N, C-alpha and C. Protein backbone atom coordinates (compact mmCIF):
# COMPACT_ATOMS: atom_id res chain seq x y z
N MET A 1 96.57 -27.16 -18.33
CA MET A 1 96.04 -26.10 -17.50
C MET A 1 94.81 -26.06 -19.07
N SER A 2 93.56 -25.51 -17.59
CA SER A 2 91.95 -25.50 -18.79
C SER A 2 92.15 -24.56 -19.82
N GLU A 3 91.52 -24.92 -20.65
CA GLU A 3 91.14 -24.19 -21.68
C GLU A 3 91.23 -22.35 -21.49
N ILE A 4 90.12 -22.47 -20.21
CA ILE A 4 89.87 -21.13 -19.48
C ILE A 4 90.79 -20.41 -18.77
N THR A 5 91.62 -21.27 -18.48
CA THR A 5 92.68 -20.86 -17.53
C THR A 5 93.55 -19.92 -19.09
N GLU A 6 93.86 -20.66 -19.54
CA GLU A 6 94.86 -20.34 -20.72
C GLU A 6 94.72 -19.14 -21.49
N ARG A 7 92.99 -19.24 -21.91
CA ARG A 7 92.33 -17.53 -22.36
C ARG A 7 92.37 -16.81 -21.49
N VAL A 8 91.99 -16.68 -20.34
CA VAL A 8 92.45 -15.72 -19.02
C VAL A 8 94.02 -15.36 -18.66
N ASN A 9 94.55 -16.51 -19.05
CA ASN A 9 96.36 -16.19 -19.27
C ASN A 9 96.89 -14.87 -20.38
N ARG A 10 96.08 -15.51 -21.54
CA ARG A 10 96.42 -15.01 -22.45
C ARG A 10 96.09 -13.56 -22.29
N HIS A 11 95.00 -13.29 -22.01
CA HIS A 11 94.20 -11.81 -22.16
C HIS A 11 95.11 -11.12 -20.94
N ARG A 12 95.60 -11.32 -19.73
CA ARG A 12 95.94 -10.87 -18.92
C ARG A 12 97.13 -10.37 -19.44
N GLN A 13 98.19 -11.15 -20.00
CA GLN A 13 99.05 -11.40 -21.04
C GLN A 13 99.40 -9.70 -21.59
N GLN A 14 98.22 -9.54 -22.61
CA GLN A 14 97.84 -8.44 -23.46
C GLN A 14 97.97 -7.18 -22.77
N LEU A 15 97.21 -7.33 -21.86
CA LEU A 15 96.69 -6.26 -20.91
C LEU A 15 97.96 -5.44 -20.24
N ARG A 16 98.81 -6.78 -19.13
CA ARG A 16 100.40 -6.13 -18.99
C ARG A 16 101.35 -5.53 -20.59
N LYS A 17 100.95 -5.93 -21.48
CA LYS A 17 101.98 -5.19 -23.15
C LYS A 17 101.13 -4.02 -23.16
N ALA A 18 99.90 -3.98 -23.16
CA ALA A 18 99.14 -2.66 -23.04
C ALA A 18 99.84 -1.66 -21.92
N GLY A 19 100.75 -2.26 -21.07
CA GLY A 19 101.35 -1.35 -20.11
C GLY A 19 100.94 -1.35 -18.81
N LEU A 20 99.26 -1.75 -18.63
CA LEU A 20 98.52 -2.03 -17.32
C LEU A 20 98.71 -3.50 -16.36
N ARG A 21 98.46 -2.73 -15.31
CA ARG A 21 98.83 -4.03 -14.29
C ARG A 21 97.99 -4.32 -12.97
N PRO A 22 97.52 -5.64 -12.90
CA PRO A 22 96.47 -6.06 -12.12
C PRO A 22 96.76 -5.39 -10.66
N ILE A 23 95.65 -5.18 -9.80
CA ILE A 23 95.49 -4.56 -8.51
C ILE A 23 94.46 -5.28 -7.90
N GLN A 24 94.29 -5.35 -6.72
CA GLN A 24 93.23 -5.76 -5.66
C GLN A 24 92.95 -5.08 -4.65
N ILE A 25 91.28 -4.38 -4.78
CA ILE A 25 91.09 -3.57 -3.38
C ILE A 25 89.66 -4.32 -3.12
N TRP A 26 89.90 -4.12 -1.34
CA TRP A 26 89.11 -4.44 -0.65
C TRP A 26 88.23 -3.38 -0.60
N VAL A 27 86.93 -3.34 -0.68
CA VAL A 27 85.83 -2.20 -0.53
C VAL A 27 84.95 -2.83 0.82
N PRO A 28 84.11 -2.25 1.73
CA PRO A 28 82.91 -2.80 2.65
C PRO A 28 82.40 -3.68 1.63
N ASP A 29 81.82 -4.43 2.52
CA ASP A 29 80.34 -5.65 2.12
C ASP A 29 79.14 -4.66 2.39
N THR A 30 78.99 -4.31 1.09
CA THR A 30 77.64 -3.39 1.36
C THR A 30 76.22 -4.08 1.65
N ARG A 31 76.44 -6.11 1.97
CA ARG A 31 75.57 -6.61 2.49
C ARG A 31 75.38 -6.64 3.77
N ARG A 32 76.54 -6.36 4.44
CA ARG A 32 76.23 -6.37 6.18
C ARG A 32 75.43 -5.43 6.54
N PRO A 33 74.61 -5.89 7.62
CA PRO A 33 73.56 -5.19 8.49
C PRO A 33 74.69 -3.84 8.92
N GLU A 34 75.60 -3.69 9.29
CA GLU A 34 76.87 -2.92 10.17
C GLU A 34 76.64 -2.13 9.29
N PHE A 35 76.75 -1.90 7.73
CA PHE A 35 76.90 -1.11 6.59
C PHE A 35 75.82 -0.75 6.51
N GLN A 36 74.75 -0.78 6.53
CA GLN A 36 73.50 0.00 6.51
C GLN A 36 73.53 0.97 8.07
N GLU A 37 73.29 0.19 8.68
CA GLU A 37 73.45 1.60 9.74
C GLU A 37 74.37 2.56 9.82
N GLU A 38 75.40 2.10 9.53
CA GLU A 38 76.82 3.13 9.09
C GLU A 38 76.52 3.72 8.48
N CYS A 39 75.49 3.88 7.11
CA CYS A 39 74.84 4.57 6.12
C CYS A 39 73.86 5.37 6.93
N ARG A 40 73.04 4.68 7.69
CA ARG A 40 72.20 5.90 8.32
C ARG A 40 72.37 6.86 9.02
N ARG A 41 73.56 6.57 10.00
CA ARG A 41 74.40 7.30 10.95
C ARG A 41 74.85 8.48 10.37
N GLN A 42 75.47 8.21 9.01
CA GLN A 42 76.60 9.64 8.57
C GLN A 42 75.43 10.35 7.67
N SER A 43 73.96 9.60 7.21
CA SER A 43 73.35 10.88 6.86
C SER A 43 72.44 11.11 7.61
N ARG A 44 72.04 10.72 8.92
CA ARG A 44 71.21 11.43 9.69
C ARG A 44 72.51 12.71 10.03
N MET A 45 73.48 12.81 10.45
CA MET A 45 74.82 13.43 10.79
C MET A 45 74.70 14.42 9.64
N LEU A 46 74.61 14.32 8.44
CA LEU A 46 74.85 15.27 7.07
C LEU A 46 73.37 16.00 7.12
N ARG A 47 72.32 15.83 8.06
CA ARG A 47 71.08 15.98 7.39
C ARG A 47 70.79 17.39 7.59
N GLU A 48 71.24 18.20 8.71
CA GLU A 48 70.74 19.48 9.40
C GLU A 48 72.07 20.14 9.28
N ASN A 49 73.12 19.52 8.20
CA ASN A 49 74.39 20.16 8.20
C ASN A 49 74.17 21.52 7.05
N PRO A 50 74.76 23.00 7.17
CA PRO A 50 74.41 23.60 6.13
C PRO A 50 75.46 23.77 4.92
N GLN A 51 76.19 23.46 5.65
CA GLN A 51 77.48 22.79 4.36
C GLN A 51 77.14 21.76 3.51
N GLU A 52 77.32 20.91 4.25
CA GLU A 52 76.08 19.72 2.67
C GLU A 52 75.47 20.41 2.18
N GLN A 53 74.43 21.05 2.59
CA GLN A 53 73.48 21.40 1.87
C GLN A 53 74.11 22.59 0.57
N LYS A 54 74.88 23.23 0.57
CA LYS A 54 75.37 24.10 0.03
C LYS A 54 75.95 23.05 -1.28
N ILE A 55 77.20 22.27 -0.60
CA ILE A 55 77.54 21.01 -1.74
C ILE A 55 76.61 20.18 -2.20
N LEU A 56 75.73 20.19 -2.00
CA LEU A 56 74.29 19.76 -2.69
C LEU A 56 73.62 20.68 -3.92
N ASP A 57 73.48 21.70 -3.37
CA ASP A 57 73.41 22.64 -4.55
C ASP A 57 74.42 23.13 -5.30
N TRP A 58 75.55 22.89 -4.92
CA TRP A 58 76.55 22.96 -5.99
C TRP A 58 76.48 22.25 -6.78
N LEU A 59 76.24 20.61 -6.57
CA LEU A 59 76.12 19.81 -7.51
C LEU A 59 75.09 19.71 -8.48
N GLU A 60 74.06 19.46 -7.91
CA GLU A 60 72.69 20.23 -8.47
C GLU A 60 73.14 20.97 -9.84
N ALA A 61 73.38 22.42 -9.38
CA ALA A 61 73.71 22.91 -10.26
C ALA A 61 74.91 22.76 -11.49
N ALA A 62 75.87 22.08 -11.11
CA ALA A 62 77.00 21.80 -12.04
C ALA A 62 76.47 20.21 -12.90
N ALA A 63 75.53 19.89 -12.81
CA ALA A 63 75.42 18.78 -13.28
C ALA A 63 75.16 19.09 -14.24
N ASP A 64 75.15 18.07 -15.40
CA ASP A 64 74.97 17.89 -17.01
C ASP A 64 74.28 16.94 -17.22
N ARG A 65 73.22 16.88 -17.52
CA ARG A 65 72.21 15.91 -17.43
C ARG A 65 71.90 15.29 -18.99
N GLU A 66 72.30 16.40 -19.71
CA GLU A 66 71.71 16.29 -21.16
C GLU A 66 72.16 15.24 -22.04
N GLY A 67 70.71 14.46 -22.42
CA GLY A 67 71.35 13.01 -23.00
C GLY A 67 70.56 12.12 -22.18
N TRP A 68 70.75 12.07 -20.86
CA TRP A 68 70.08 11.20 -19.95
C TRP A 68 68.85 11.29 -19.76
N ASP A 69 68.02 11.64 -20.59
CA ASP A 69 66.42 11.55 -20.54
C ASP A 69 65.88 10.34 -20.46
């Protein structure tokens, strides 16, 4: 076993001892042209939606930007 593999295994064991477990998740591939087009499609659908504007207004009012300058 290589040194790197041993180090990774030790690290994973420490995480398990701390009560954590590994998981694997699959997410959309943002590099695909289809992903970009779907983002555009969904954005266009929401552009004139009054409910969406209410949500955006609420997020703007609730945002805590202190210290983010």
